[in-house]
PDB file of N, CA and C in Angstrom:
ATOM      1  N   UNK A   1      -1.695  10.093  -8.242  1.00  0.00           N
ATOM      2  CA  UNK A   1      -0.635  10.138  -7.276  1.00  0.00           C
ATOM      3  C   UNK A   1      -1.052  11.108  -6.183  1.00  0.00           C
ATOM      4  N   UNK A   2      -0.995  10.658  -4.933  1.00  0.00           N
ATOM      5  CA  UNK A   2      -1.342  11.493  -3.793  1.00  0.00           C
ATOM      6  C   UNK A   2      -0.104  12.280  -3.372  1.00  0.00           C
ATOM      7  N   UNK A   3      -0.244  13.594  -3.313  1.00  0.00           N
ATOM      8  CA  UNK A   3       0.907  14.455  -3.030  1.00  0.00           C
ATOM      9  C   UNK A   3       0.465  15.722  -2.310  1.00  0.00           C
ATOM     10  N   UNK A   4       1.397  16.345  -1.624  1.00  0.00           N
ATOM     11  CA  UNK A   4       1.134  17.642  -1.000  1.00  0.00           C
ATOM     12  C   UNK A   4       1.300  18.771  -2.011  1.00  0.00           C
ATOM     13  N   UNK A   5       1.929  18.473  -3.152  1.00  0.00           N
ATOM     14  CA  UNK A   5       2.183  19.482  -4.179  1.00  0.00           C
ATOM     15  C   UNK A   5       1.665  18.980  -5.524  1.00  0.00           C
ATOM     16  N   UNK A   6       0.337  19.016  -5.736  1.00  0.00           N
ATOM     17  CA  UNK A   6      -0.210  18.493  -6.993  1.00  0.00           C
ATOM     18  C   UNK A   6       0.214  19.333  -8.194  1.00  0.00           C
ATOM     19  N   UNK A   7       0.431  18.652  -9.300  1.00  0.00           N
ATOM     20  CA  UNK A   7       0.775  19.325 -10.546  1.00  0.00           C
ATOM     21  C   UNK A   7      -0.269  18.993 -11.597  1.00  0.00           C
ATOM     22  N   UNK A   8       0.001  19.378 -12.804  1.00  0.00           N
ATOM     23  CA  UNK A   8      -0.892  19.088 -13.918  1.00  0.00           C
ATOM     24  C   UNK A   8      -0.837  17.593 -14.247  1.00  0.00           C
ATOM     25  N   UNK A   9      -1.989  17.017 -14.604  1.00  0.00           N
ATOM     26  CA  UNK A   9      -2.022  15.617 -15.027  1.00  0.00           C
ATOM     27  C   UNK A   9      -1.140  15.455 -16.263  1.00  0.00           C
ATOM     28  N   UNK A  10      -0.359  14.400 -16.272  1.00  0.00           N
ATOM     29  CA  UNK A  10       0.543  14.171 -17.396  1.00  0.00           C
ATOM     30  C   UNK A  10       0.785  12.679 -17.586  1.00  0.00           C
ATOM     31  N   UNK A  11       0.840  12.233 -18.814  1.00  0.00           N
ATOM     32  CA  UNK A  11       1.162  10.847 -19.117  1.00  0.00           C
ATOM     33  C   UNK A  11       0.273   9.839 -18.429  1.00  0.00           C
ATOM     34  N   UNK A  12      -1.005  10.141 -18.263  1.00  0.00           N
ATOM     35  CA  UNK A  12      -1.925   9.224 -17.616  1.00  0.00           C
ATOM     36  C   UNK A  12      -1.872   9.248 -16.097  1.00  0.00           C
ATOM     37  N   UNK A  13      -1.097  10.168 -15.529  1.00  0.00           N
ATOM     38  CA  UNK A  13      -0.978  10.279 -14.073  1.00  0.00           C
ATOM     39  C   UNK A  13      -1.772  11.498 -13.615  1.00  0.00           C
ATOM     40  N   UNK A  14      -2.662  11.280 -12.649  1.00  0.00           N
ATOM     41  CA  UNK A  14      -3.428  12.370 -12.058  1.00  0.00           C
ATOM     42  C   UNK A  14      -2.893  12.625 -10.657  1.00  0.00           C
ATOM     43  N   UNK A  15      -2.605  13.864 -10.331  1.00  0.00           N
ATOM     44  CA  UNK A  15      -2.086  14.226  -9.021  1.00  0.00           C
ATOM     45  C   UNK A  15      -3.238  14.666  -8.129  1.00  0.00           C
ATOM     46  N   UNK A  16      -3.286  14.129  -6.906  1.00  0.00           N
ATOM     47  CA  UNK A  16      -4.350  14.451  -5.965  1.00  0.00           C
ATOM     48  C   UNK A  16      -3.763  15.019  -4.691  1.00  0.00           C
ATOM     49  N   UNK A  17      -4.460  15.965  -4.101  1.00  0.00           N
ATOM     50  CA  UNK A  17      -4.112  16.497  -2.792  1.00  0.00           C
ATOM     51  C   UNK A  17      -5.398  16.454  -1.976  1.00  0.00           C
ATOM     52  N   UNK A  18      -5.690  15.269  -1.426  1.00  0.00           N
ATOM     53  CA  UNK A  18      -6.937  15.051  -0.703  1.00  0.00           C
ATOM     54  C   UNK A  18      -6.671  14.093   0.442  1.00  0.00           C
ATOM     55  N   UNK A  19      -7.733  13.672   1.109  1.00  0.00           N
ATOM     56  CA  UNK A  19      -7.565  12.675   2.159  1.00  0.00           C
ATOM     57  C   UNK A  19      -7.233  11.320   1.532  1.00  0.00           C
ATOM     58  N   UNK A  20      -6.691  10.430   2.331  1.00  0.00           N
ATOM     59  CA  UNK A  20      -6.356   9.087   1.843  1.00  0.00           C
ATOM     60  C   UNK A  20      -7.624   8.384   1.348  1.00  0.00           C
ATOM     61  N   UNK A  21      -8.709   8.505   2.086  1.00  0.00           N
ATOM     62  CA  UNK A  21      -9.967   7.874   1.686  1.00  0.00           C
ATOM     63  C   UNK A  21     -10.466   8.372   0.345  1.00  0.00           C
ATOM     64  N   UNK A  22     -10.398   9.683   0.136  1.00  0.00           N
ATOM     65  CA  UNK A  22     -10.825  10.256  -1.141  1.00  0.00           C
ATOM     66  C   UNK A  22      -9.914   9.814  -2.277  1.00  0.00           C
ATOM     67  N   UNK A  23      -8.610   9.748  -2.003  1.00  0.00           N
ATOM     68  CA  UNK A  23      -7.651   9.327  -3.030  1.00  0.00           C
ATOM     69  C   UNK A  23      -7.881   7.875  -3.428  1.00  0.00           C
ATOM     70  N   UNK A  24      -8.128   7.000  -2.455  1.00  0.00           N
ATOM     71  CA  UNK A  24      -8.390   5.593  -2.768  1.00  0.00           C
ATOM     72  C   UNK A  24      -9.697   5.462  -3.542  1.00  0.00           C
ATOM     73  N   UNK A  25     -10.721   6.209  -3.159  1.00  0.00           N
ATOM     74  CA  UNK A  25     -11.993   6.168  -3.894  1.00  0.00           C
ATOM     75  C   UNK A  25     -11.797   6.620  -5.338  1.00  0.00           C
ATOM     76  N   UNK A  26     -11.012   7.663  -5.559  1.00  0.00           N
ATOM     77  CA  UNK A  26     -10.726   8.143  -6.912  1.00  0.00           C
ATOM     78  C   UNK A  26      -9.974   7.081  -7.707  1.00  0.00           C
ATOM     79  N   UNK A  27      -8.996   6.439  -7.075  1.00  0.00           N
ATOM     80  CA  UNK A  27      -8.220   5.395  -7.748  1.00  0.00           C
ATOM     81  C   UNK A  27      -9.098   4.199  -8.101  1.00  0.00           C
ATOM     82  N   UNK A  28     -10.008   3.817  -7.197  1.00  0.00           N
ATOM     83  CA  UNK A  28     -10.902   2.692  -7.478  1.00  0.00           C
ATOM     84  C   UNK A  28     -11.837   3.010  -8.641  1.00  0.00           C
ATOM     85  N   UNK A  29     -12.338   4.234  -8.697  1.00  0.00           N
ATOM     86  CA  UNK A  29     -13.180   4.644  -9.833  1.00  0.00           C
ATOM     87  C   UNK A  29     -12.395   4.578 -11.132  1.00  0.00           C
ATOM     88  N   UNK A  30     -11.164   5.083 -11.111  1.00  0.00           N
ATOM     89  CA  UNK A  30     -10.324   5.083 -12.310  1.00  0.00           C
ATOM     90  C   UNK A  30      -9.962   3.662 -12.731  1.00  0.00           C
ATOM     91  N   UNK A  31      -9.843   2.739 -11.769  1.00  0.00           N
ATOM     92  CA  UNK A  31      -9.448   1.359 -12.068  1.00  0.00           C
ATOM     93  C   UNK A  31     -10.589   0.556 -12.684  1.00  0.00           C
ATOM     94  N   UNK A  32     -11.812   1.055 -12.564  1.00  0.00           N
ATOM     95  CA  UNK A  32     -12.944   0.382 -13.194  1.00  0.00           C
ATOM     96  C   UNK A  32     -13.105  -1.077 -12.774  1.00  0.00           C
ATOM     97  N   UNK A  33     -12.988  -1.368 -11.488  1.00  0.00           N
ATOM     98  CA  UNK A  33     -13.175  -2.729 -11.000  1.00  0.00           C
ATOM     99  C   UNK A  33     -11.895  -3.548 -10.902  1.00  0.00           C
ATOM    100  N   UNK A  34     -10.792  -3.024 -11.385  1.00  0.00           N
ATOM    101  CA  UNK A  34      -9.502  -3.722 -11.258  1.00  0.00           C
ATOM    102  C   UNK A  34      -8.858  -3.368  -9.918  1.00  0.00           C
ATOM    103  N   UNK A  35      -7.783  -4.064  -9.582  1.00  0.00           N
ATOM    104  CA  UNK A  35      -7.079  -3.817  -8.320  1.00  0.00           C
ATOM    105  C   UNK A  35      -6.400  -2.452  -8.319  1.00  0.00           C
ATOM    106  N   UNK A  36      -6.283  -1.873  -7.130  1.00  0.00           N
ATOM    107  CA  UNK A  36      -5.566  -0.621  -6.925  1.00  0.00           C
ATOM    108  C   UNK A  36      -4.373  -0.923  -6.028  1.00  0.00           C
ATOM    109  N   UNK A  37      -3.185  -0.491  -6.434  1.00  0.00           N
ATOM    110  CA  UNK A  37      -1.976  -0.711  -5.650  1.00  0.00           C
ATOM    111  C   UNK A  37      -1.569   0.549  -4.921  1.00  0.00           C
ATOM    112  N   UNK A  38      -1.049   0.371  -3.719  1.00  0.00           N
ATOM    113  CA  UNK A  38      -0.555   1.480  -2.906  1.00  0.00           C
ATOM    114  C   UNK A  38       0.912   1.220  -2.617  1.00  0.00           C
ATOM    115  N   UNK A  39       1.768   2.204  -2.865  1.00  0.00           N
ATOM    116  CA  UNK A  39       3.199   2.057  -2.645  1.00  0.00           C
ATOM    117  C   UNK A  39       3.677   3.109  -1.661  1.00  0.00           C
ATOM    118  N   UNK A  40       4.626   2.749  -0.845  1.00  0.00           N
ATOM    119  CA  UNK A  40       5.209   3.669   0.127  1.00  0.00           C
ATOM    120  C   UNK A  40       4.744   3.323   1.527  1.00  0.00           C
ATOM    121  N   UNK A  41       5.695   3.253   2.463  1.00  0.00           N
ATOM    122  CA  UNK A  41       5.396   2.821   3.826  1.00  0.00           C
ATOM    123  C   UNK A  41       4.399   3.739   4.525  1.00  0.00           C
ATOM    124  N   UNK A  42       4.576   5.039   4.407  1.00  0.00           N
ATOM    125  CA  UNK A  42       3.690   5.972   5.093  1.00  0.00           C
ATOM    126  C   UNK A  42       2.270   5.890   4.552  1.00  0.00           C
ATOM    127  N   UNK A  43       2.117   5.932   3.240  1.00  0.00           N
ATOM    128  CA  UNK A  43       0.793   5.866   2.632  1.00  0.00           C
ATOM    129  C   UNK A  43       0.123   4.521   2.909  1.00  0.00           C
ATOM    130  N   UNK A  44       0.885   3.433   2.822  1.00  0.00           N
ATOM    131  CA  UNK A  44       0.323   2.107   3.109  1.00  0.00           C
ATOM    132  C   UNK A  44      -0.165   2.043   4.551  1.00  0.00           C
ATOM    133  N   UNK A  45       0.610   2.586   5.482  1.00  0.00           N
ATOM    134  CA  UNK A  45       0.192   2.607   6.885  1.00  0.00           C
ATOM    135  C   UNK A  45      -1.085   3.394   7.096  1.00  0.00           C
ATOM    136  N   UNK A  46      -1.215   4.538   6.401  1.00  0.00           N
ATOM    137  CA  UNK A  46      -2.437   5.337   6.498  1.00  0.00           C
ATOM    138  C   UNK A  46      -3.639   4.564   5.956  1.00  0.00           C
ATOM    139  N   UNK A  47      -3.438   3.854   4.847  1.00  0.00           N
ATOM    140  CA  UNK A  47      -4.528   3.073   4.251  1.00  0.00           C
ATOM    141  C   UNK A  47      -4.924   1.898   5.139  1.00  0.00           C
ATOM    142  N   UNK A  48      -3.939   1.246   5.763  1.00  0.00           N
ATOM    143  CA  UNK A  48      -4.230   0.150   6.690  1.00  0.00           C
ATOM    144  C   UNK A  48      -5.017   0.681   7.883  1.00  0.00           C
ATOM    145  N   UNK A  49      -4.577   1.809   8.457  1.00  0.00           N
ATOM    146  CA  UNK A  49      -5.272   2.399   9.603  1.00  0.00           C
ATOM    147  C   UNK A  49      -6.703   2.795   9.266  1.00  0.00           C
ATOM    148  N   UNK A  50      -6.932   3.204   8.026  1.00  0.00           N
ATOM    149  CA  UNK A  50      -8.261   3.628   7.586  1.00  0.00           C
ATOM    150  C   UNK A  50      -9.136   2.452   7.147  1.00  0.00           C
ATOM    151  N   UNK A  51      -8.605   1.225   7.200  1.00  0.00           N
ATOM    152  CA  UNK A  51      -9.388   0.052   6.808  1.00  0.00           C
ATOM    153  C   UNK A  51      -9.593  -0.064   5.309  1.00  0.00           C
ATOM    154  N   UNK A  52      -8.661   0.475   4.525  1.00  0.00           N
ATOM    155  CA  UNK A  52      -8.811   0.511   3.068  1.00  0.00           C
ATOM    156  C   UNK A  52      -8.003  -0.565   2.347  1.00  0.00           C
ATOM    157  N   UNK A  53      -7.351  -1.457   3.100  1.00  0.00           N
ATOM    158  CA  UNK A  53      -6.478  -2.469   2.490  1.00  0.00           C
ATOM    159  C   UNK A  53      -7.092  -3.848   2.666  1.00  0.00           C
ATOM    160  N   UNK A  54      -7.184  -4.594   1.561  1.00  0.00           N
ATOM    161  CA  UNK A  54      -7.704  -5.961   1.592  1.00  0.00           C
ATOM    162  C   UNK A  54      -6.589  -6.989   1.593  1.00  0.00           C
ATOM    163  N   UNK A  55      -5.461  -6.655   0.974  1.00  0.00           N
ATOM    164  CA  UNK A  55      -4.380  -7.618   0.822  1.00  0.00           C
ATOM    165  C   UNK A  55      -3.045  -6.889   0.808  1.00  0.00           C
ATOM    166  N   UNK A  56      -2.029  -7.537   1.381  1.00  0.00           N
ATOM    167  CA  UNK A  56      -0.688  -6.968   1.440  1.00  0.00           C
ATOM    168  C   UNK A  56       0.270  -7.910   0.732  1.00  0.00           C
ATOM    169  N   UNK A  57       1.077  -7.356  -0.162  1.00  0.00           N
ATOM    170  CA  UNK A  57       2.113  -8.114  -0.871  1.00  0.00           C
ATOM    171  C   UNK A  57       3.468  -7.630  -0.393  1.00  0.00           C
ATOM    172  N   UNK A  58       4.355  -8.561  -0.066  1.00  0.00           N
ATOM    173  CA  UNK A  58       5.697  -8.228   0.371  1.00  0.00           C
ATOM    174  C   UNK A  58       6.681  -8.967  -0.521  1.00  0.00           C
ATOM    175  N   UNK A  59       7.603  -8.236  -1.100  1.00  0.00           N
ATOM    176  CA  UNK A  59       8.674  -8.826  -1.901  1.00  0.00           C
ATOM    177  C   UNK A  59       9.939  -8.682  -1.062  1.00  0.00           C
ATOM    178  N   UNK A  60      10.378  -9.788  -0.498  1.00  0.00           N
ATOM    179  CA  UNK A  60      11.490  -9.785   0.448  1.00  0.00           C
ATOM    180  C   UNK A  60      12.787 -10.130  -0.260  1.00  0.00           C
ATOM    181  N   UNK A  61      13.763  -9.238  -0.126  1.00  0.00           N
ATOM    182  CA  UNK A  61      15.090  -9.466  -0.705  1.00  0.00           C
ATOM    183  C   UNK A  61      16.118  -9.385   0.421  1.00  0.00           C
ATOM    184  N   UNK A  62      17.226 -10.093   0.302  1.00  0.00           N
ATOM    185  CA  UNK A  62      18.199 -10.151   1.389  1.00  0.00           C
ATOM    186  C   UNK A  62      19.141  -8.944   1.440  1.00  0.00           C
ATOM    187  N   UNK A  63      18.549  -7.757   1.682  1.00  0.00           N
ATOM    188  CA  UNK A  63      19.331  -6.533   1.812  1.00  0.00           C
ATOM    189  C   UNK A  63      18.791  -5.769   3.013  1.00  0.00           C
ATOM    190  N   UNK A  64      19.653  -5.403   3.943  1.00  0.00           N
ATOM    191  CA  UNK A  64      19.258  -4.585   5.081  1.00  0.00           C
ATOM    192  C   UNK A  64      19.757  -3.167   4.843  1.00  0.00           C
ATOM    193  N   UNK A  65      18.835  -2.230   4.700  1.00  0.00           N
ATOM    194  CA  UNK A  65      19.206  -0.862   4.358  1.00  0.00           C
ATOM    195  C   UNK A  65      19.659  -0.060   5.566  1.00  0.00           C
ATOM    196  N   UNK A  66      19.138  -0.380   6.755  1.00  0.00           N
ATOM    197  CA  UNK A  66      19.583   0.298   7.958  1.00  0.00           C
ATOM    198  C   UNK A  66      18.905   1.613   8.254  1.00  0.00           C
ATOM    199  N   UNK A  67      18.034   2.087   7.393  1.00  0.00           N
ATOM    200  CA  UNK A  67      17.375   3.360   7.646  1.00  0.00           C
ATOM    201  C   UNK A  67      16.065   3.374   6.876  1.00  0.00           C
ATOM    202  N   UNK A  68      15.172   4.270   7.240  1.00  0.00           N
ATOM    203  CA  UNK A  68      13.910   4.411   6.525  1.00  0.00           C
ATOM    204  C   UNK A  68      12.726   4.233   7.450  1.00  0.00           C
ATOM    205  N   UNK A  69      11.538   4.187   6.869  1.00  0.00           N
ATOM    206  CA  UNK A  69      10.305   4.037   7.624  1.00  0.00           C
ATOM    207  C   UNK A  69       9.990   2.566   7.858  1.00  0.00           C
ATOM    208  N   UNK A  70       9.373   2.286   8.998  1.00  0.00           N
ATOM    209  CA  UNK A  70       8.886   0.934   9.235  1.00  0.00           C
ATOM    210  C   UNK A  70       7.817   0.634   8.201  1.00  0.00           C
ATOM    211  N   UNK A  71       7.835  -0.570   7.671  1.00  0.00           N
ATOM    212  CA  UNK A  71       6.904  -0.924   6.603  1.00  0.00           C
ATOM    213  C   UNK A  71       5.455  -0.893   7.064  1.00  0.00           C
ATOM    214  N   UNK A  72       5.190  -1.417   8.249  1.00  0.00           N
ATOM    215  CA  UNK A  72       3.809  -1.516   8.714  1.00  0.00           C
ATOM    216  C   UNK A  72       3.585  -0.740   9.993  1.00  0.00           C
ATOM    217  N   UNK A  73       3.949   0.502  10.004  1.00  0.00           N
ATOM    218  CA  UNK A  73       3.733   1.342  11.168  1.00  0.00           C
ATOM    219  C   UNK A  73       2.305   1.884  11.118  1.00  0.00           C
ATOM    220  N   UNK A  74       1.454   1.371  11.982  1.00  0.00           N
ATOM    221  CA  UNK A  74       0.051   1.801  12.022  1.00  0.00           C
ATOM    222  C   UNK A  74      -0.228   2.368  13.413  1.00  0.00           C
ATOM    223  N   UNK A  75       0.412   3.478  13.705  1.00  0.00           N
ATOM    224  CA  UNK A  75       0.361   4.128  15.000  1.00  0.00           C
ATOM    225  C   UNK A  75      -1.074   4.468  15.392  1.00  0.00           C
ATOM    226  N   UNK A  76      -1.414   4.147  16.637  1.00  0.00           N
ATOM    227  CA  UNK A  76      -2.728   4.508  17.160  1.00  0.00           C
ATOM    228  C   UNK A  76      -3.846   3.593  16.710  1.00  0.00           C
ATOM    229  N   UNK A  77      -3.544   2.552  15.980  1.00  0.00           N
ATOM    230  CA  UNK A  77      -4.562   1.627  15.497  1.00  0.00           C
ATOM    231  C   UNK A  77      -4.494   0.331  16.282  1.00  0.00           C
ATOM    232  N   UNK A  78      -5.621  -0.374  16.366  1.00  0.00           N
ATOM    233  CA  UNK A  78      -5.567  -1.694  16.991  1.00  0.00           C
ATOM    234  C   UNK A  78      -4.748  -2.638  16.113  1.00  0.00           C
ATOM    235  N   UNK A  79      -4.320  -3.772  16.659  1.00  0.00           N
ATOM    236  CA  UNK A  79      -3.548  -4.718  15.849  1.00  0.00           C
ATOM    237  C   UNK A  79      -4.299  -5.117  14.577  1.00  0.00           C
ATOM    238  N   UNK A  80      -3.557  -5.303  13.512  1.00  0.00           N
ATOM    239  CA  UNK A  80      -4.131  -5.726  12.232  1.00  0.00           C
ATOM    240  C   UNK A  80      -3.826  -7.214  12.074  1.00  0.00           C
ATOM    241  N   UNK A  81      -4.872  -8.026  11.960  1.00  0.00           N
ATOM    242  CA  UNK A  81      -4.697  -9.467  11.839  1.00  0.00           C
ATOM    243  C   UNK A  81      -4.576  -9.838  10.367  1.00  0.00           C
ATOM    244  N   UNK A  82      -3.550 -10.604  10.045  1.00  0.00           N
ATOM    245  CA  UNK A  82      -3.291 -11.020   8.671  1.00  0.00           C
ATOM    246  C   UNK A  82      -3.368 -12.536   8.567  1.00  0.00           C
ATOM    247  N   UNK A  83      -3.717 -13.025   7.371  1.00  0.00           N
ATOM    248  CA  UNK A  83      -3.680 -14.458   7.069  1.00  0.00           C
ATOM    249  C   UNK A  83      -2.804 -14.651   5.848  1.00  0.00           C
ATOM    250  N   UNK A  84      -1.750 -15.461   6.002  1.00  0.00           N
ATOM    251  CA  UNK A  84      -0.843 -15.708   4.874  1.00  0.00           C
ATOM    252  C   UNK A  84      -1.600 -16.443   3.772  1.00  0.00           C
ATOM    253  N   UNK A  85      -1.520 -15.908   2.554  1.00  0.00           N
ATOM    254  CA  UNK A  85      -2.197 -16.531   1.417  1.00  0.00           C
ATOM    255  C   UNK A  85      -1.211 -17.059   0.381  1.00  0.00           C
ATOM    256  N   UNK A  86       0.056 -16.624   0.486  1.00  0.00           N
ATOM    257  CA  UNK A  86       1.051 -17.087  -0.482  1.00  0.00           C
ATOM    258  C   UNK A  86       2.449 -16.891   0.070  1.00  0.00           C
ATOM    259  N   UNK A  87       3.319 -17.838  -0.227  1.00  0.00           N
ATOM    260  CA  UNK A  87       4.737 -17.741   0.105  1.00  0.00           C
ATOM    261  C   UNK A  87       5.486 -18.510  -0.972  1.00  0.00           C
ATOM    262  N   UNK A  88       6.153 -17.777  -1.858  1.00  0.00           N
ATOM    263  CA  UNK A  88       6.877 -18.393  -2.966  1.00  0.00           C
ATOM    264  C   UNK A  88       8.272 -17.791  -3.046  1.00  0.00           C
ATOM    265  N   UNK A  89       9.227 -18.626  -3.396  1.00  0.00           N
ATOM    266  CA  UNK A  89      10.587 -18.138  -3.531  1.00  0.00           C
ATOM    267  C   UNK A  89      11.149 -18.435  -4.898  1.00  0.00           C
ATOM    268  N   UNK A  90      11.996 -17.528  -5.353  1.00  0.00           N
ATOM    269  CA  UNK A  90      12.727 -17.715  -6.607  1.00  0.00           C
ATOM    270  C   UNK A  90      14.105 -17.103  -6.409  1.00  0.00           C
ATOM    271  N   UNK A  91      15.109 -17.954  -6.334  1.00  0.00           N
ATOM    272  CA  UNK A  91      16.448 -17.443  -6.067  1.00  0.00           C
ATOM    273  C   UNK A  91      16.499 -16.829  -4.690  1.00  0.00           C
ATOM    274  N   UNK A  92      16.977 -15.617  -4.587  1.00  0.00           N
ATOM    275  CA  UNK A  92      17.104 -14.925  -3.311  1.00  0.00           C
ATOM    276  C   UNK A  92      15.852 -14.144  -2.910  1.00  0.00           C
ATOM    277  N   UNK A  93      14.834 -14.105  -3.763  1.00  0.00           N
ATOM    278  CA  UNK A  93      13.635 -13.311  -3.503  1.00  0.00           C
ATOM    279  C   UNK A  93      12.520 -14.207  -2.978  1.00  0.00           C
ATOM    280  N   UNK A  94      11.814 -13.720  -1.949  1.00  0.00           N
ATOM    281  CA  UNK A  94      10.645 -14.416  -1.416  1.00  0.00           C
ATOM    282  C   UNK A  94       9.452 -13.488  -1.552  1.00  0.00           C
ATOM    283  N   UNK A  95       8.391 -13.964  -2.181  1.00  0.00           N
ATOM    284  CA  UNK A  95       7.149 -13.205  -2.329  1.00  0.00           C
ATOM    285  C   UNK A  95       6.139 -13.719  -1.322  1.00  0.00           C
ATOM    286  N   UNK A  96       5.583 -12.800  -0.549  1.00  0.00           N
ATOM    287  CA  UNK A  96       4.587 -13.130   0.469  1.00  0.00           C
ATOM    288  C   UNK A  96       3.312 -12.352   0.189  1.00  0.00           C
ATOM    289  N   UNK A  97       2.179 -12.969   0.449  1.00  0.00           N
ATOM    290  CA  UNK A  97       0.885 -12.293   0.352  1.00  0.00           C
ATOM    291  C   UNK A  97       0.096 -12.586   1.615  1.00  0.00           C
ATOM    292  N   UNK A  98      -0.604 -11.574   2.102  1.00  0.00           N
ATOM    293  CA  UNK A  98      -1.421 -11.695   3.295  1.00  0.00           C
ATOM    294  C   UNK A  98      -2.772 -11.047   3.061  1.00  0.00           C
ATOM    295  N   UNK A  99      -3.845 -11.739   3.470  1.00  0.00           N
ATOM    296  CA  UNK A  99      -5.179 -11.134   3.466  1.00  0.00           C
ATOM    297  C   UNK A  99      -5.344 -10.384   4.779  1.00  0.00           C
ATOM    298  N   UNK A 100      -5.944  -9.200   4.719  1.00  0.00           N
ATOM    299  CA  UNK A 100      -6.228  -8.433   5.923  1.00  0.00           C
ATOM    300  C   UNK A 100      -7.581  -8.921   6.451  1.00  0.00           C
ATOM    301  N   UNK A 101      -7.585  -9.433   7.674  1.00  0.00           N
ATOM    302  CA  UNK A 101      -8.815  -9.952   8.270  1.00  0.00           C
ATOM    303  C   UNK A 101      -9.506  -8.853   9.061  1.00  0.00           C
ATOM    304  N   UNK A 102     -10.791  -8.793   8.908  1.00  0.00           N
ATOM    305  CA  UNK A 102     -11.590  -7.767   9.633  1.00  0.00           C
ATOM    306  C   UNK A 102     -12.542  -8.431  10.578  1.00  0.00           C
TER     307      UNK A 102
END
């Protein structure tokens, strides 16, 4: 977990206070070739700006919260081109997947 206030590792969770690039590299090493997930609008935006994201998953639900961070705020970066790879719905939920094109 990337944080400004790292604590002791507990329950299989390691706390990191490093750059986004270093944190993603550590997570990829720990994943041993499996996928690494990034959660949170700010962290996801930093990873997108740093070119560290290959695919974006969006789980869309019909609720407008009215406040919070923009999901894909990549300030100071050139436009990020995406290609839709999946669009599936079940009930009120729509799952979307996009490949990040470089």
